N, C-alpha and C. Protein backbone atom coordinates (compact mmCIF):
# COMPACT_ATOMS: atom_id res chain seq x y z
N MET A 1 111.45 89.55 105.23
CA MET A 1 110.72 88.89 106.29
C MET A 1 109.78 89.90 106.95
N ILE A 2 108.52 89.55 107.04
CA ILE A 2 107.52 90.44 107.64
C ILE A 2 107.20 89.92 109.04
N THR A 3 107.31 90.81 110.03
CA THR A 3 107.05 90.46 111.42
C THR A 3 105.83 91.22 111.92
N LEU A 4 104.89 90.48 112.46
CA LEU A 4 103.69 91.04 113.06
C LEU A 4 103.92 91.18 114.56
N VAL A 5 103.72 92.38 115.09
CA VAL A 5 103.86 92.62 116.53
C VAL A 5 102.48 92.91 117.08
N THR A 6 102.02 92.05 118.00
CA THR A 6 100.72 92.25 118.62
C THR A 6 100.90 93.04 119.92
N GLY A 7 99.83 93.67 120.37
CA GLY A 7 99.89 94.43 121.62
C GLY A 7 100.75 95.67 121.50
N SER A 8 100.71 96.31 120.35
CA SER A 8 101.63 97.43 120.10
C SER A 8 101.29 98.71 120.85
N ASN A 9 100.14 98.77 121.51
CA ASN A 9 99.83 99.96 122.30
C ASN A 9 100.17 99.78 123.77
N GLY A 10 100.69 98.62 124.13
CA GLY A 10 101.15 98.40 125.49
C GLY A 10 102.56 98.92 125.67
N GLN A 11 103.05 98.85 126.88
CA GLN A 11 104.38 99.38 127.20
C GLN A 11 105.48 98.76 126.35
N LEU A 12 105.50 97.44 126.25
CA LEU A 12 106.52 96.76 125.46
C LEU A 12 106.35 97.03 123.96
N GLY A 13 105.13 96.93 123.49
CA GLY A 13 104.86 97.18 122.07
C GLY A 13 105.26 98.58 121.63
N LYS A 14 104.94 99.58 122.46
CA LYS A 14 105.33 100.96 122.13
C LYS A 14 106.84 101.13 122.13
N THR A 15 107.50 100.44 123.04
CA THR A 15 108.96 100.53 123.10
C THR A 15 109.58 99.92 121.85
N ILE A 16 109.08 98.77 121.43
CA ILE A 16 109.58 98.15 120.20
C ILE A 16 109.34 99.08 119.01
N GLN A 17 108.17 99.69 118.95
CA GLN A 17 107.88 100.64 117.87
C GLN A 17 108.86 101.80 117.86
N SER A 18 109.21 102.29 119.04
CA SER A 18 110.12 103.44 119.10
C SER A 18 111.53 103.08 118.64
N ILE A 19 111.89 101.81 118.77
CA ILE A 19 113.21 101.35 118.33
C ILE A 19 113.21 101.08 116.83
N ILE A 20 112.14 100.46 116.36
CA ILE A 20 112.03 100.07 114.96
C ILE A 20 111.16 101.10 114.25
N LYS A 21 111.77 102.16 113.81
CA LYS A 21 111.02 103.25 113.18
C LYS A 21 111.06 103.11 111.66
N ASN A 22 109.94 103.40 111.04
CA ASN A 22 109.85 103.44 109.59
C ASN A 22 110.45 102.21 108.92
N ASN A 23 110.16 101.06 109.45
CA ASN A 23 110.63 99.81 108.87
C ASN A 23 109.42 99.05 108.38
N ASN A 24 109.29 98.93 107.06
CA ASN A 24 108.09 98.29 106.52
C ASN A 24 108.12 96.76 106.64
N GLU A 25 109.11 96.23 107.33
CA GLU A 25 109.14 94.79 107.58
C GLU A 25 108.44 94.44 108.89
N PHE A 26 107.95 95.45 109.61
CA PHE A 26 107.23 95.23 110.86
C PHE A 26 105.83 95.82 110.74
N ILE A 27 104.86 95.06 111.20
CA ILE A 27 103.48 95.50 111.25
C ILE A 27 103.06 95.52 112.71
N PHE A 28 102.67 96.68 113.21
CA PHE A 28 102.30 96.83 114.60
C PHE A 28 100.78 96.86 114.72
N THR A 29 100.25 95.98 115.56
CA THR A 29 98.80 95.90 115.73
C THR A 29 98.43 95.94 117.21
N ASP A 30 97.19 96.29 117.44
CA ASP A 30 96.61 96.19 118.78
C ASP A 30 95.17 95.74 118.61
N ILE A 31 94.43 95.70 119.67
CA ILE A 31 93.06 95.22 119.65
C ILE A 31 92.19 95.98 118.66
N ASN A 32 92.53 97.25 118.37
CA ASN A 32 91.72 98.06 117.46
C ASN A 32 91.79 97.59 116.01
N ASN A 33 92.90 96.95 115.62
CA ASN A 33 92.98 96.49 114.23
C ASN A 33 93.27 95.00 114.08
N LEU A 34 93.49 94.29 115.19
CA LEU A 34 93.64 92.84 115.14
C LEU A 34 93.32 92.26 116.51
N ASP A 35 92.24 91.52 116.58
CA ASP A 35 91.83 90.87 117.82
C ASP A 35 92.35 89.43 117.78
N ILE A 36 93.41 89.16 118.54
CA ILE A 36 94.03 87.84 118.49
C ILE A 36 93.22 86.77 119.22
N THR A 37 92.11 87.18 119.84
CA THR A 37 91.21 86.18 120.42
C THR A 37 90.33 85.57 119.33
N LYS A 38 90.43 86.11 118.12
CA LYS A 38 89.65 85.62 116.98
C LYS A 38 90.62 85.06 115.93
N LYS A 39 90.66 83.75 115.86
CA LYS A 39 91.61 83.05 114.99
C LYS A 39 91.46 83.47 113.52
N GLU A 40 90.22 83.67 113.08
CA GLU A 40 89.97 84.04 111.68
C GLU A 40 90.62 85.38 111.34
N GLU A 41 90.59 86.32 112.29
CA GLU A 41 91.20 87.63 112.06
C GLU A 41 92.71 87.51 111.90
N ILE A 42 93.31 86.68 112.74
CA ILE A 42 94.76 86.48 112.65
C ILE A 42 95.11 85.89 111.28
N GLU A 43 94.35 84.90 110.89
CA GLU A 43 94.62 84.23 109.62
C GLU A 43 94.52 85.19 108.43
N LEU A 44 93.50 86.04 108.44
CA LEU A 44 93.37 87.04 107.37
C LEU A 44 94.57 87.98 107.34
N TYR A 45 95.02 88.41 108.51
CA TYR A 45 96.18 89.30 108.61
C TYR A 45 97.43 88.61 108.07
N ILE A 46 97.64 87.36 108.44
CA ILE A 46 98.80 86.60 108.02
C ILE A 46 98.83 86.48 106.50
N LYS A 47 97.69 86.18 105.92
CA LYS A 47 97.60 86.03 104.47
C LYS A 47 97.77 87.37 103.76
N ARG A 48 97.10 88.39 104.26
CA ARG A 48 97.12 89.71 103.62
C ARG A 48 98.52 90.32 103.57
N TYR A 49 99.28 90.17 104.65
CA TYR A 49 100.58 90.81 104.75
C TYR A 49 101.76 89.85 104.59
N ASP A 50 101.47 88.59 104.29
CA ASP A 50 102.52 87.58 104.07
C ASP A 50 103.50 87.54 105.25
N VAL A 51 102.96 87.41 106.44
CA VAL A 51 103.73 87.44 107.68
C VAL A 51 104.57 86.17 107.83
N ASN A 52 105.81 86.32 108.31
CA ASN A 52 106.72 85.20 108.56
C ASN A 52 106.95 84.95 110.04
N CYS A 53 106.74 85.98 110.86
CA CYS A 53 107.08 85.90 112.28
C CYS A 53 106.06 86.72 113.07
N ILE A 54 105.74 86.23 114.27
CA ILE A 54 104.85 86.97 115.17
C ILE A 54 105.58 87.19 116.48
N ILE A 55 105.57 88.44 116.94
CA ILE A 55 106.05 88.76 118.29
C ILE A 55 104.80 89.13 119.09
N ASN A 56 104.47 88.28 120.06
CA ASN A 56 103.26 88.51 120.83
C ASN A 56 103.56 89.29 122.11
N CYS A 57 103.23 90.57 122.08
CA CYS A 57 103.36 91.44 123.26
C CYS A 57 102.00 91.66 123.92
N ALA A 58 100.93 91.13 123.31
CA ALA A 58 99.58 91.32 123.86
C ALA A 58 99.40 90.45 125.09
N ALA A 59 98.77 91.01 126.12
CA ALA A 59 98.52 90.24 127.33
C ALA A 59 97.51 90.97 128.21
N TYR A 60 96.83 90.19 129.00
CA TYR A 60 96.02 90.73 130.08
C TYR A 60 96.99 90.87 131.24
N THR A 61 97.29 92.09 131.67
CA THR A 61 98.37 92.33 132.63
C THR A 61 97.91 92.86 133.99
N TYR A 62 96.62 92.86 134.23
CA TYR A 62 96.11 93.34 135.51
C TYR A 62 96.23 92.21 136.53
N VAL A 63 97.38 92.12 137.17
CA VAL A 63 97.70 90.99 138.04
C VAL A 63 96.64 90.81 139.13
N ASP A 64 96.29 91.86 139.84
CA ASP A 64 95.31 91.74 140.93
C ASP A 64 93.90 91.46 140.41
N LYS A 65 93.51 92.12 139.33
CA LYS A 65 92.17 91.92 138.77
C LYS A 65 91.98 90.51 138.20
N ALA A 66 93.07 89.86 137.81
CA ALA A 66 92.97 88.51 137.24
C ALA A 66 92.32 87.53 138.20
N GLU A 67 92.43 87.80 139.49
CA GLU A 67 91.82 86.91 140.48
C GLU A 67 90.29 86.90 140.36
N ILE A 68 89.71 88.01 139.91
CA ILE A 68 88.26 88.06 139.75
C ILE A 68 87.85 88.03 138.28
N GLU A 69 88.72 88.48 137.41
CA GLU A 69 88.44 88.49 135.97
C GLU A 69 89.17 87.33 135.28
N LYS A 70 88.98 86.14 135.79
CA LYS A 70 89.70 84.96 135.29
C LYS A 70 89.41 84.70 133.82
N GLU A 71 88.17 84.87 133.41
CA GLU A 71 87.83 84.63 132.00
C GLU A 71 88.57 85.59 131.09
N LYS A 72 88.66 86.85 131.48
CA LYS A 72 89.39 87.83 130.66
C LYS A 72 90.87 87.48 130.59
N ALA A 73 91.44 87.10 131.73
CA ALA A 73 92.85 86.70 131.76
C ALA A 73 93.08 85.49 130.87
N ASP A 74 92.22 84.49 130.97
CA ASP A 74 92.35 83.29 130.14
C ASP A 74 92.20 83.59 128.66
N GLU A 75 91.25 84.46 128.34
CA GLU A 75 90.98 84.77 126.93
C GLU A 75 92.22 85.30 126.22
N LEU A 76 92.93 86.22 126.86
CA LEU A 76 94.08 86.85 126.21
C LEU A 76 95.39 86.11 126.50
N ASN A 77 95.58 85.65 127.70
CA ASN A 77 96.86 85.04 128.08
C ASN A 77 96.96 83.57 127.70
N CYS A 78 95.85 82.93 127.43
CA CYS A 78 95.86 81.50 127.12
C CYS A 78 95.21 81.21 125.76
N ASN A 79 93.93 81.52 125.63
CA ASN A 79 93.20 81.17 124.40
C ASN A 79 93.75 81.90 123.17
N ALA A 80 94.08 83.16 123.31
CA ALA A 80 94.64 83.91 122.19
C ALA A 80 96.01 83.35 121.80
N VAL A 81 96.78 82.93 122.79
CA VAL A 81 98.09 82.33 122.52
C VAL A 81 97.91 81.03 121.74
N LYS A 82 96.90 80.25 122.11
CA LYS A 82 96.60 79.03 121.36
C LYS A 82 96.30 79.37 119.90
N ASN A 83 95.54 80.43 119.67
CA ASN A 83 95.26 80.86 118.30
C ASN A 83 96.56 81.17 117.54
N LEU A 84 97.45 81.89 118.19
CA LEU A 84 98.73 82.23 117.55
C LEU A 84 99.55 80.98 117.26
N VAL A 85 99.53 80.03 118.18
CA VAL A 85 100.25 78.77 117.98
C VAL A 85 99.65 78.01 116.79
N ASP A 86 98.34 77.89 116.76
CA ASP A 86 97.68 77.18 115.66
C ASP A 86 98.02 77.80 114.31
N ILE A 87 97.96 79.12 114.24
CA ILE A 87 98.27 79.82 112.99
C ILE A 87 99.75 79.64 112.65
N SER A 88 100.61 79.72 113.64
CA SER A 88 102.05 79.54 113.41
C SER A 88 102.35 78.16 112.86
N GLU A 89 101.68 77.16 113.39
CA GLU A 89 101.88 75.80 112.90
C GLU A 89 101.36 75.65 111.46
N THR A 90 100.17 76.16 111.22
CA THR A 90 99.56 76.04 109.90
C THR A 90 100.38 76.72 108.82
N TYR A 91 100.89 77.91 109.11
CA TYR A 91 101.61 78.71 108.10
C TYR A 91 103.12 78.68 108.27
N LYS A 92 103.59 77.82 109.18
CA LYS A 92 105.03 77.66 109.43
C LYS A 92 105.72 78.99 109.75
N LEU A 93 105.14 79.69 110.72
CA LEU A 93 105.66 80.98 111.15
C LEU A 93 106.51 80.81 112.40
N ARG A 94 107.42 81.74 112.61
CA ARG A 94 108.13 81.82 113.88
C ARG A 94 107.23 82.56 114.85
N LEU A 95 107.30 82.16 116.12
CA LEU A 95 106.49 82.81 117.16
C LEU A 95 107.37 83.14 118.34
N ILE A 96 107.40 84.41 118.70
CA ILE A 96 108.11 84.89 119.89
C ILE A 96 107.04 85.38 120.85
N HIS A 97 106.99 84.78 122.02
CA HIS A 97 105.94 85.10 122.99
C HIS A 97 106.57 85.67 124.25
N ILE A 98 106.07 86.80 124.69
CA ILE A 98 106.57 87.43 125.90
C ILE A 98 105.69 86.99 127.07
N SER A 99 106.34 86.44 128.09
CA SER A 99 105.62 85.96 129.26
C SER A 99 106.16 86.64 130.51
N THR A 100 106.06 85.99 131.64
CA THR A 100 106.32 86.64 132.91
C THR A 100 106.97 85.70 133.91
N ASP A 101 107.64 86.28 134.89
CA ASP A 101 108.19 85.47 135.98
C ASP A 101 107.12 85.09 137.00
N TYR A 102 105.89 85.56 136.80
CA TYR A 102 104.79 85.18 137.69
C TYR A 102 104.43 83.71 137.55
N VAL A 103 105.05 83.00 136.60
CA VAL A 103 104.83 81.56 136.49
C VAL A 103 105.61 80.81 137.57
N TYR A 104 106.51 81.51 138.27
CA TYR A 104 107.29 80.92 139.36
C TYR A 104 106.64 81.26 140.71
N SER A 105 107.18 80.69 141.76
CA SER A 105 106.58 80.82 143.09
C SER A 105 106.68 82.22 143.68
N GLY A 106 107.67 83.01 143.28
CA GLY A 106 107.82 84.35 143.81
C GLY A 106 108.66 84.43 145.06
N ILE A 107 109.22 83.31 145.50
CA ILE A 107 110.02 83.32 146.73
C ILE A 107 111.52 83.31 146.45
N ASN A 108 111.90 83.45 145.21
CA ASN A 108 113.31 83.40 144.84
C ASN A 108 114.03 84.70 145.17
N LYS A 109 115.22 84.57 145.69
CA LYS A 109 116.06 85.74 145.99
C LYS A 109 117.13 85.93 144.92
N LEU A 110 117.39 84.88 144.15
CA LEU A 110 118.43 84.90 143.12
C LEU A 110 117.79 84.85 141.74
N PRO A 111 118.55 85.14 140.70
CA PRO A 111 118.00 85.00 139.34
C PRO A 111 117.45 83.58 139.14
N ILE A 112 116.40 83.48 138.36
CA ILE A 112 115.71 82.21 138.17
C ILE A 112 116.13 81.59 136.84
N SER A 113 116.51 80.34 136.89
CA SER A 113 116.82 79.58 135.68
C SER A 113 115.52 79.20 134.98
N GLU A 114 115.54 79.18 133.66
CA GLU A 114 114.34 78.78 132.92
C GLU A 114 113.99 77.32 133.17
N TYR A 115 114.91 76.56 133.75
CA TYR A 115 114.66 75.15 134.05
C TYR A 115 114.03 74.94 135.43
N LYS A 116 113.90 76.01 136.20
CA LYS A 116 113.30 75.90 137.53
C LYS A 116 111.83 75.52 137.37
N ASN A 117 111.35 74.70 138.28
CA ASN A 117 109.95 74.30 138.24
C ASN A 117 109.03 75.50 138.40
N VAL A 118 107.97 75.51 137.61
CA VAL A 118 107.00 76.59 137.69
C VAL A 118 106.01 76.28 138.81
N ASN A 119 105.47 77.35 139.39
CA ASN A 119 104.52 77.21 140.48
C ASN A 119 103.84 78.57 140.70
N PRO A 120 102.93 78.95 139.79
CA PRO A 120 102.29 80.27 139.91
C PRO A 120 101.57 80.44 141.23
N GLN A 121 101.69 81.63 141.79
CA GLN A 121 101.06 81.94 143.07
C GLN A 121 99.79 82.77 142.93
N ASN A 122 99.42 83.10 141.70
CA ASN A 122 98.19 83.85 141.49
C ASN A 122 97.61 83.48 140.13
N TYR A 123 96.40 83.95 139.87
CA TYR A 123 95.73 83.53 138.63
C TYR A 123 96.37 84.14 137.39
N TYR A 124 96.91 85.31 137.52
CA TYR A 124 97.64 85.90 136.39
C TYR A 124 98.74 84.94 135.94
N GLY A 125 99.55 84.45 136.88
CA GLY A 125 100.62 83.50 136.57
C GLY A 125 100.09 82.22 135.98
N VAL A 126 98.97 81.73 136.49
CA VAL A 126 98.35 80.52 135.95
C VAL A 126 97.95 80.73 134.49
N SER A 127 97.30 81.86 134.21
CA SER A 127 96.84 82.13 132.84
C SER A 127 98.02 82.26 131.87
N LYS A 128 99.09 82.89 132.30
CA LYS A 128 100.28 83.02 131.44
C LYS A 128 100.94 81.66 131.22
N LEU A 129 101.02 80.85 132.28
CA LEU A 129 101.61 79.52 132.16
C LEU A 129 100.79 78.63 131.22
N ASN A 130 99.48 78.71 131.32
CA ASN A 130 98.64 77.92 130.43
C ASN A 130 98.86 78.28 128.97
N GLY A 131 99.07 79.56 128.69
CA GLY A 131 99.40 79.98 127.33
C GLY A 131 100.76 79.44 126.90
N GLU A 132 101.73 79.49 127.80
CA GLU A 132 103.06 78.97 127.51
C GLU A 132 103.01 77.49 127.14
N LYS A 133 102.13 76.74 127.79
CA LYS A 133 102.06 75.29 127.54
C LYS A 133 101.69 75.00 126.08
N TYR A 134 100.84 75.82 125.49
CA TYR A 134 100.51 75.64 124.07
C TYR A 134 101.76 75.79 123.21
N ILE A 135 102.58 76.77 123.56
CA ILE A 135 103.82 76.99 122.80
C ILE A 135 104.79 75.85 123.02
N GLU A 136 104.92 75.42 124.27
CA GLU A 136 105.83 74.33 124.61
C GLU A 136 105.50 73.06 123.83
N ASN A 137 104.22 72.81 123.61
CA ASN A 137 103.79 71.60 122.90
C ASN A 137 103.64 71.81 121.40
N SER A 138 104.02 72.96 120.92
CA SER A 138 103.86 73.31 119.51
C SER A 138 104.99 72.72 118.66
N ILE A 139 104.67 72.52 117.39
CA ILE A 139 105.69 72.10 116.42
C ILE A 139 106.26 73.30 115.68
N SER A 140 105.74 74.48 115.96
CA SER A 140 106.24 75.68 115.29
C SER A 140 107.58 76.10 115.88
N GLU A 141 108.33 76.86 115.09
CA GLU A 141 109.58 77.43 115.59
C GLU A 141 109.20 78.57 116.52
N SER A 142 109.40 78.37 117.82
CA SER A 142 108.89 79.34 118.78
C SER A 142 109.80 79.45 119.99
N ILE A 143 109.60 80.56 120.69
CA ILE A 143 110.36 80.81 121.92
C ILE A 143 109.48 81.59 122.88
N VAL A 144 109.65 81.31 124.16
CA VAL A 144 108.97 82.06 125.22
C VAL A 144 110.03 82.84 125.96
N ILE A 145 109.82 84.14 126.11
CA ILE A 145 110.73 84.99 126.87
C ILE A 145 109.98 85.42 128.13
N ARG A 146 110.53 85.04 129.27
CA ARG A 146 109.92 85.43 130.55
C ARG A 146 110.67 86.63 131.10
N THR A 147 109.92 87.64 131.44
CA THR A 147 110.52 88.85 131.99
C THR A 147 109.86 89.19 133.32
N SER A 148 110.56 89.95 134.13
CA SER A 148 109.96 90.30 135.42
C SER A 148 109.45 91.74 135.41
N TRP A 149 110.29 92.67 135.15
CA TRP A 149 109.90 94.08 135.18
C TRP A 149 110.09 94.71 133.81
N LEU A 150 109.10 95.47 133.40
CA LEU A 150 109.23 96.29 132.20
C LEU A 150 109.30 97.73 132.64
N TYR A 151 110.16 98.48 132.02
CA TYR A 151 110.14 99.92 132.24
C TYR A 151 110.53 100.59 130.95
N SER A 152 109.92 101.72 130.71
CA SER A 152 110.13 102.47 129.48
C SER A 152 109.49 103.84 129.67
N PRO A 153 109.63 104.69 128.69
CA PRO A 153 108.96 106.00 128.79
C PRO A 153 107.45 105.90 128.70
N PHE A 154 106.93 104.70 128.36
CA PHE A 154 105.50 104.52 128.14
C PHE A 154 104.85 103.76 129.30
N GLY A 155 103.60 104.07 129.60
CA GLY A 155 102.83 103.33 130.57
C GLY A 155 103.29 103.49 132.00
N LYS A 156 102.64 102.72 132.87
CA LYS A 156 103.00 102.74 134.30
C LYS A 156 104.10 101.70 134.54
N ASN A 157 105.11 102.08 135.29
CA ASN A 157 106.15 101.13 135.63
C ASN A 157 106.88 101.61 136.88
N PHE A 158 107.73 100.75 137.43
CA PHE A 158 108.34 101.06 138.72
C PHE A 158 109.32 102.24 138.65
N VAL A 159 109.88 102.54 137.50
CA VAL A 159 110.79 103.68 137.39
C VAL A 159 110.00 104.99 137.48
N LYS A 160 108.87 105.03 136.80
CA LYS A 160 108.06 106.24 136.82
C LYS A 160 107.35 106.41 138.15
């Protein structure tokens, strides 16, 4: 089984790479070698490497900037996700998508159930939720994982 990991130069992607070393069943990509905003590029990659599963770690993550850079947030967090969904449906691939707790209101003091109603309080959350909706309505075998904080030896995070 060949798994394509997008966003491999981000904090999560680098962490996955550090765990899965020298495993030729994983292909790690970033914007430099696969632009997921371009459906044709994804399709070529899927065919060339006979991919069975996609783990999407790619995202526009500038929460504050998303308020002014809405098009950029939408392009990566929503439109690119639609591309991955379309390709997953066409080629019957599994899709694992990493999302965020910013799809919720932000006023919760306790752990949030995945069944809690969504209510994004900023545009970043809206863009991520819109991408999730494509997956939710997909016929592909897929899952959305919502996380709140990432920390690792890579990138900026609250531990560092």
